[in-house]
C-alpha cells in the first residue's frame, strides 16, 4: 500500500496488526508520548508527512544522482543492488578507526546538501524530540573524545534492489557494535525518510513476527534453525512518498525492503536509534 499525506492526526491500523499514528509534521507537538507507546508495544510505527517539500527533494535527488556532494560511497552485498552514501555500521570493520575518521566530512556534506534552517540532522532531531517529550536525539559518541557515529546514511536502491527479512536488534550481535552496546539500551528503533519513490515495489514490508531485544537469531543465517516462514505471516507493505518519514519498531518486528521495480531509484535516509543507558537522550547512528 502507498501512504498518502495527511492534513490531520490519525490513529490507524494497517492490516491485522500494525498500529500507528499518522500525522502531518506540523502536528508532532501533539504526540509527545508517541515513542513511549512505541517502546511499550502499543504502536508499531509513527508516520510523519511533509517533513520536506517535494520540490526541495527533487533537487536533492538530482544532486545525489550526480554524486554531489562527493560523499564516501559504500556498498550493500552485491546481490542487494543497493549502496550507501556514508558508512553503514553493520558493514564496518570492528576497529572503527577509519569509520570515525570519515564522520566529520560526512556531516559537513549533509549540511551542504540540506542547507540551514532545514539541515537534515537539525530538522529531523527537532521532529523526533517532539515525539519523545523533547528528549534529545544526538549522534552517538565515539570511542575517543570528540568522535561521533554517523547520524544517518543515505541509501540508493536500484532496479531489483532489496533487503532480506531481518530484525534490527540482530545488529547487536555484530562485532562493530561492541562499543555502541556499552552506550545504549538493547531495544533498537529506526527511521526512514523518503527522498523519492520508485515506479513500483520498493516497499517497507513489516511482518507480524516480534522478537524481543537480544533474543534474536540472524534471520539470514542458513546455519540457524527455526527461521520464521514469512509466507505464513501477516504483513503490511508501505510505500513512502517523498517527504514522508516512518519511525518503526524495527528492532522487534521482522521487516524487509521489497524489490524495486523500474528504473527510478529508491533514495532515502535511514538511521537507527536507541535510548542511552541513563535514558536521558536518544543516540542515533547510520
Protein backbone atom coordinates (compact mmCIF):
# COMPACT_ATOMS: atom_id res chain seq x y z
CA UNK A 1 0.00 0.00 0.00
CA UNK A 2 1.08 3.58 -0.61
CA UNK A 3 0.72 6.06 2.24
CA UNK A 4 -0.83 9.39 1.25
CA UNK A 5 0.00 12.68 3.01
CA UNK A 6 -2.43 13.61 5.78
CA UNK A 7 -3.61 17.01 6.99
CA UNK A 8 -4.78 15.67 10.35
CA UNK A 9 -3.70 13.23 13.05
CA UNK A 10 -4.96 9.68 12.74
CA UNK A 11 -4.56 6.56 14.83
CA UNK A 12 -4.52 3.90 12.13
CA UNK A 13 -4.32 0.13 11.90
CA UNK A 14 -2.76 -1.28 8.75
CA UNK A 15 -3.52 -4.90 8.04
CA UNK A 16 -4.30 -7.06 11.05
CA UNK A 17 -1.62 -5.87 13.48
CA UNK A 18 0.27 -2.69 12.55
CA UNK A 19 -0.87 0.13 14.81
CA UNK A 20 0.48 3.58 14.01
CA UNK A 21 0.00 7.30 14.41
CA UNK A 22 -0.15 9.07 11.05
CA UNK A 23 0.23 12.84 11.14
CA UNK A 24 1.49 15.96 9.42
CA UNK A 25 4.82 17.38 10.54
CA UNK A 26 3.01 20.42 11.96
CA UNK A 27 1.22 18.17 14.47
CA UNK A 28 4.19 16.39 16.05
CA UNK A 29 3.95 18.51 19.21
CA UNK A 30 0.57 16.95 19.97
CA UNK A 31 2.06 13.48 20.46
CA UNK A 32 4.87 13.80 23.00
CA UNK A 33 4.16 10.25 24.21
CA UNK A 34 4.40 8.63 20.76
CA UNK A 35 7.74 6.95 21.41
CA UNK A 36 6.63 5.84 24.89
CA UNK A 37 3.83 3.97 23.14
CA UNK A 38 6.27 2.61 20.56
CA UNK A 39 8.55 1.24 23.29
CA UNK A 40 5.61 -0.32 25.16
CA UNK A 41 4.47 -2.09 22.01
CA UNK A 42 1.17 -0.20 21.74
CA UNK A 43 2.35 1.17 18.39
CA UNK A 44 4.49 -0.42 15.71
CA UNK A 45 5.16 2.82 13.85
CA UNK A 46 4.76 6.58 13.58
CA UNK A 47 4.30 8.10 10.11
CA UNK A 48 5.09 11.80 9.64
CA UNK A 49 4.19 13.53 6.38
CA UNK A 50 5.60 16.70 4.78
CA UNK A 51 8.95 16.56 6.56
CA UNK A 52 10.37 18.22 3.43
CA UNK A 53 8.67 19.72 0.39
CA UNK A 54 8.66 17.57 -2.73
CA UNK A 55 10.31 20.27 -4.88
CA UNK A 56 13.25 20.50 -2.48
CA UNK A 57 13.70 16.73 -2.50
CA UNK A 58 13.58 16.59 -6.30
CA UNK A 59 16.55 18.96 -6.40
CA UNK A 60 18.37 16.92 -3.74
CA UNK A 61 17.81 13.67 -5.66
CA UNK A 62 19.23 15.32 -8.80
CA UNK A 63 22.36 16.19 -6.84
CA UNK A 64 22.62 12.71 -5.33
CA UNK A 65 22.36 11.14 -8.78
CA UNK A 66 25.41 13.23 -9.73
CA UNK A 67 27.25 12.24 -6.52
CA UNK A 68 27.10 15.86 -5.34
CA UNK A 69 28.39 16.37 -2.66
CA UNK A 70 31.06 13.66 -3.15
CA UNK A 71 30.05 11.53 -0.16
CA UNK A 72 32.02 8.42 0.68
CA UNK A 73 30.23 5.60 -1.16
CA UNK A 74 29.93 2.12 0.33
CA UNK A 75 28.00 -0.92 -0.78
CA UNK A 76 25.49 -3.46 0.38
CA UNK A 77 26.38 -7.03 -0.63
CA UNK A 78 26.29 -7.08 -4.45
CA UNK A 79 23.13 -9.19 -4.70
CA UNK A 80 21.13 -6.44 -2.94
CA UNK A 81 21.77 -3.95 -5.81
CA UNK A 82 22.00 -1.04 -3.39
CA UNK A 83 24.58 1.32 -1.93
CA UNK A 84 25.14 3.92 0.77
CA UNK A 85 26.44 7.43 0.91
CA UNK A 86 28.11 7.20 4.29
CA UNK A 87 29.20 4.07 6.16
CA UNK A 88 26.72 1.55 7.50
CA UNK A 89 27.87 0.34 10.91
CA UNK A 90 26.72 -3.22 10.19
CA UNK A 91 29.21 -3.48 7.33
CA UNK A 92 32.09 -1.63 9.01
CA UNK A 93 35.34 -3.14 10.31
CA UNK A 94 35.05 -3.52 14.11
CA UNK A 95 38.20 -1.45 14.65
CA UNK A 96 36.12 1.64 13.65
CA UNK A 97 39.21 3.86 13.20
CA UNK A 98 38.53 4.56 9.51
CA UNK A 99 34.81 4.90 10.21
CA UNK A 100 35.25 7.68 12.76
CA UNK A 101 37.78 9.41 10.50
CA UNK A 102 35.07 9.81 7.83
CA UNK A 103 32.36 11.21 10.11
CA UNK A 104 33.22 14.96 10.21
CA UNK A 105 33.39 15.22 6.42
CA UNK A 106 30.17 13.25 6.00
CA UNK A 107 28.29 15.52 8.41
CA UNK A 108 29.63 18.65 6.66
CA UNK A 109 28.42 17.30 3.34
CA UNK A 110 24.98 16.55 4.78
CA UNK A 111 24.77 20.17 5.93
CA UNK A 112 25.74 21.31 2.43
CA UNK A 113 23.09 19.10 0.81
CA UNK A 114 20.35 20.26 3.21
CA UNK A 115 21.12 23.92 3.93
CA UNK A 116 20.07 25.76 7.09
CA UNK A 117 17.44 26.13 8.50
CA UNK A 118 16.32 22.76 7.05
CA UNK A 119 19.54 20.86 7.68
CA UNK A 120 18.87 17.14 7.74
CA UNK A 121 20.29 16.48 11.20
CA UNK A 122 18.86 19.56 12.92
CA UNK A 123 15.44 19.37 11.24
CA UNK A 124 14.94 15.67 11.92
CA UNK A 125 16.09 15.89 15.53
CA UNK A 126 13.59 18.69 16.18
CA UNK A 127 10.79 16.47 14.87
CA UNK A 128 11.90 13.34 16.71
CA UNK A 129 12.38 15.14 20.01
CA UNK A 130 8.79 16.43 19.92
CA UNK A 131 7.59 12.83 19.78
CA UNK A 132 9.60 11.90 22.91
CA UNK A 133 8.93 14.65 25.47
CA UNK A 134 11.75 16.80 24.00
CA UNK A 135 14.33 14.14 24.90
CA UNK A 136 17.46 14.95 22.83
CA UNK A 137 18.32 12.97 19.71
CA UNK A 138 22.06 13.12 19.00
CA UNK A 139 24.67 11.17 17.08
CA UNK A 140 26.08 8.55 19.44
CA UNK A 141 29.51 9.49 20.88
CA UNK A 142 32.50 7.59 19.57
CA UNK A 143 35.28 5.69 21.28
CA UNK A 144 37.60 8.67 21.75
CA UNK A 145 36.84 12.21 22.91
CA UNK A 146 35.27 14.30 20.15
CA UNK A 147 34.30 11.34 17.97
CA UNK A 148 30.74 10.67 16.82
CA UNK A 149 28.94 7.96 14.92
CA UNK A 150 27.38 8.97 11.61
CA UNK A 151 23.94 10.38 12.35
CA UNK A 152 22.47 8.61 9.32
CA UNK A 153 23.29 7.15 5.93
CA UNK A 154 21.74 7.92 2.56
CA UNK A 155 20.65 4.81 0.68
CA UNK A 156 20.09 4.20 -3.01
CA UNK A 157 18.27 1.07 -4.16
CA UNK A 158 18.46 0.35 -7.89
CA UNK A 159 16.05 -1.69 -10.01
CA UNK A 160 15.88 -5.10 -8.37
CA UNK A 161 17.33 -3.71 -5.14
CA UNK A 162 16.05 -5.29 -1.94
CA UNK A 163 16.91 -6.08 1.69
CA UNK A 164 16.01 -9.53 3.07
CA UNK A 165 13.91 -10.09 6.21
CA UNK A 166 15.59 -9.12 9.48
CA UNK A 167 15.04 -7.57 12.90
CA UNK A 168 17.33 -4.65 13.73
CA UNK A 169 18.04 -5.92 17.24
CA UNK A 170 20.13 -8.58 15.48
CA UNK A 171 22.68 -5.86 14.79
CA UNK A 172 23.78 -6.01 18.42
CA UNK A 173 25.40 -9.36 17.60
CA UNK A 174 27.85 -7.81 15.14
CA UNK A 175 31.45 -7.05 16.22
CA UNK A 176 31.19 -3.44 15.02
CA UNK A 177 28.54 -2.84 17.72
CA UNK A 178 30.81 -3.76 20.62
CA UNK A 179 31.41 -0.16 21.72
CA UNK A 180 27.93 1.16 20.91
CA UNK A 181 26.30 -1.51 23.09
CA UNK A 182 28.02 -0.01 26.13
CA UNK A 183 26.10 3.23 25.50
CA UNK A 184 22.57 2.16 24.59
CA UNK A 185 19.65 0.13 25.80
CA UNK A 186 19.30 -3.02 23.68
CA UNK A 187 15.99 -2.10 22.01
CA UNK A 188 16.84 -0.58 18.62
CA UNK A 189 14.42 1.54 16.58
CA UNK A 190 14.86 3.12 13.17
CA UNK A 191 13.54 5.88 10.97
CA UNK A 192 13.40 6.13 7.19
CA UNK A 193 12.86 9.42 5.35
CA UNK A 194 11.86 9.00 1.70
CA UNK A 195 13.53 11.26 -0.87
CA UNK A 196 11.94 9.51 -3.87
CA UNK A 197 9.57 6.66 -4.63
CA UNK A 198 10.28 4.02 -7.30
CA UNK A 199 7.85 3.32 -10.10
CA UNK A 200 6.73 0.16 -8.31
CA UNK A 201 7.93 -2.06 -5.49
CA UNK A 202 10.47 -0.79 -3.00
CA UNK A 203 8.01 -1.06 -0.14
CA UNK A 204 8.86 -1.45 3.54
CA UNK A 205 7.19 -4.76 4.36
CA UNK A 206 6.65 -5.41 8.07
CA UNK A 207 5.64 -8.87 9.28
CA UNK A 208 3.54 -9.86 12.26
CA UNK A 209 6.52 -11.53 13.93
CA UNK A 210 8.02 -9.99 17.05
CA UNK A 211 11.34 -10.85 18.73
CA UNK A 212 12.45 -9.26 21.99
CA UNK A 213 15.76 -7.37 22.33
CA UNK A 214 18.87 -9.57 22.29
CA UNK A 215 16.68 -12.67 21.88
CA UNK A 216 17.14 -12.73 18.11
CA UNK A 217 18.65 -15.16 15.71
CA UNK A 218 20.16 -13.94 12.46
CA UNK A 219 17.31 -14.40 10.02
CA UNK A 220 19.70 -14.62 7.08
CA UNK A 221 21.98 -17.23 8.68
CA UNK A 222 21.29 -20.55 6.98
CA UNK A 223 23.01 -22.45 9.79
CA UNK A 224 20.38 -21.36 12.30
CA UNK A 225 17.17 -23.39 12.65
CA UNK A 226 13.64 -22.15 13.26
CA UNK A 227 13.65 -19.14 10.98
CA UNK A 228 10.05 -17.98 10.53
CA UNK A 229 8.37 -18.81 7.24
CA UNK A 230 7.40 -15.35 6.01
CA UNK A 231 4.84 -16.89 3.66
CA UNK A 232 2.85 -17.89 6.75
CA UNK A 233 2.97 -14.42 8.35
CA UNK A 234 0.59 -11.50 8.01
CA UNK A 235 2.34 -8.39 6.74
CA UNK A 236 1.85 -4.82 5.58
CA UNK A 237 3.90 -3.26 2.79
CA UNK A 238 4.25 0.53 2.98
CA UNK A 239 5.46 2.68 0.08
CA UNK A 240 6.54 6.06 1.39
CA UNK A 241 6.03 9.16 -0.78
CA UNK A 242 8.82 11.74 -0.94
CA UNK A 243 8.97 13.82 2.24
CA UNK A 244 7.36 11.18 4.47
CA UNK A 245 9.23 9.63 7.38
CA UNK A 246 8.35 6.43 9.20
CA UNK A 247 9.68 5.67 12.67
CA UNK A 248 9.47 1.92 13.18
CA UNK A 249 9.88 -0.61 15.96
CA UNK A 250 12.30 -2.33 13.61
CA UNK A 251 14.30 -3.89 16.41
CA UNK A 252 11.49 -6.23 17.37
CA UNK A 253 9.47 -6.58 14.16
CA UNK A 254 10.65 -8.63 11.23
CA UNK A 255 10.79 -6.48 8.11
CA UNK A 256 12.33 -6.26 4.65
CA UNK A 257 12.56 -4.00 1.61
CA UNK A 258 10.61 -5.48 -1.29
CA UNK A 259 12.39 -5.43 -4.68
CA UNK A 260 12.45 -2.10 -6.50
CA UNK A 261 10.71 -2.23 -9.89
CA UNK A 262 11.52 0.21 -12.68
CA UNK A 263 14.49 2.44 -13.42
CA UNK A 264 13.76 5.11 -10.79
CA UNK A 265 15.89 4.53 -7.69
CA UNK A 266 14.55 4.47 -4.15
CA UNK A 267 16.50 7.20 -2.35
CA UNK A 268 16.14 7.65 1.40
CA UNK A 269 17.90 8.48 4.64
CA UNK A 270 17.88 5.72 7.24
CA UNK A 271 19.05 5.85 10.85
CA UNK A 272 18.92 3.57 13.85
CA UNK A 273 18.41 4.87 17.36
CA UNK A 274 18.05 3.71 20.94
CA UNK A 275 17.80 5.17 24.42
CA UNK A 276 21.06 5.93 26.18
CA UNK A 277 21.77 3.73 29.20
CA UNK A 278 20.76 6.56 31.56
CA UNK A 279 17.63 7.25 29.42
CA UNK A 280 18.46 10.97 29.27
CA UNK A 281 18.77 11.05 25.48
CA UNK A 282 18.44 9.00 22.31
CA UNK A 283 21.56 8.01 20.39
CA UNK A 284 21.44 7.76 16.59
CA UNK A 285 23.75 6.09 14.09
CA UNK A 286 23.74 5.11 10.44
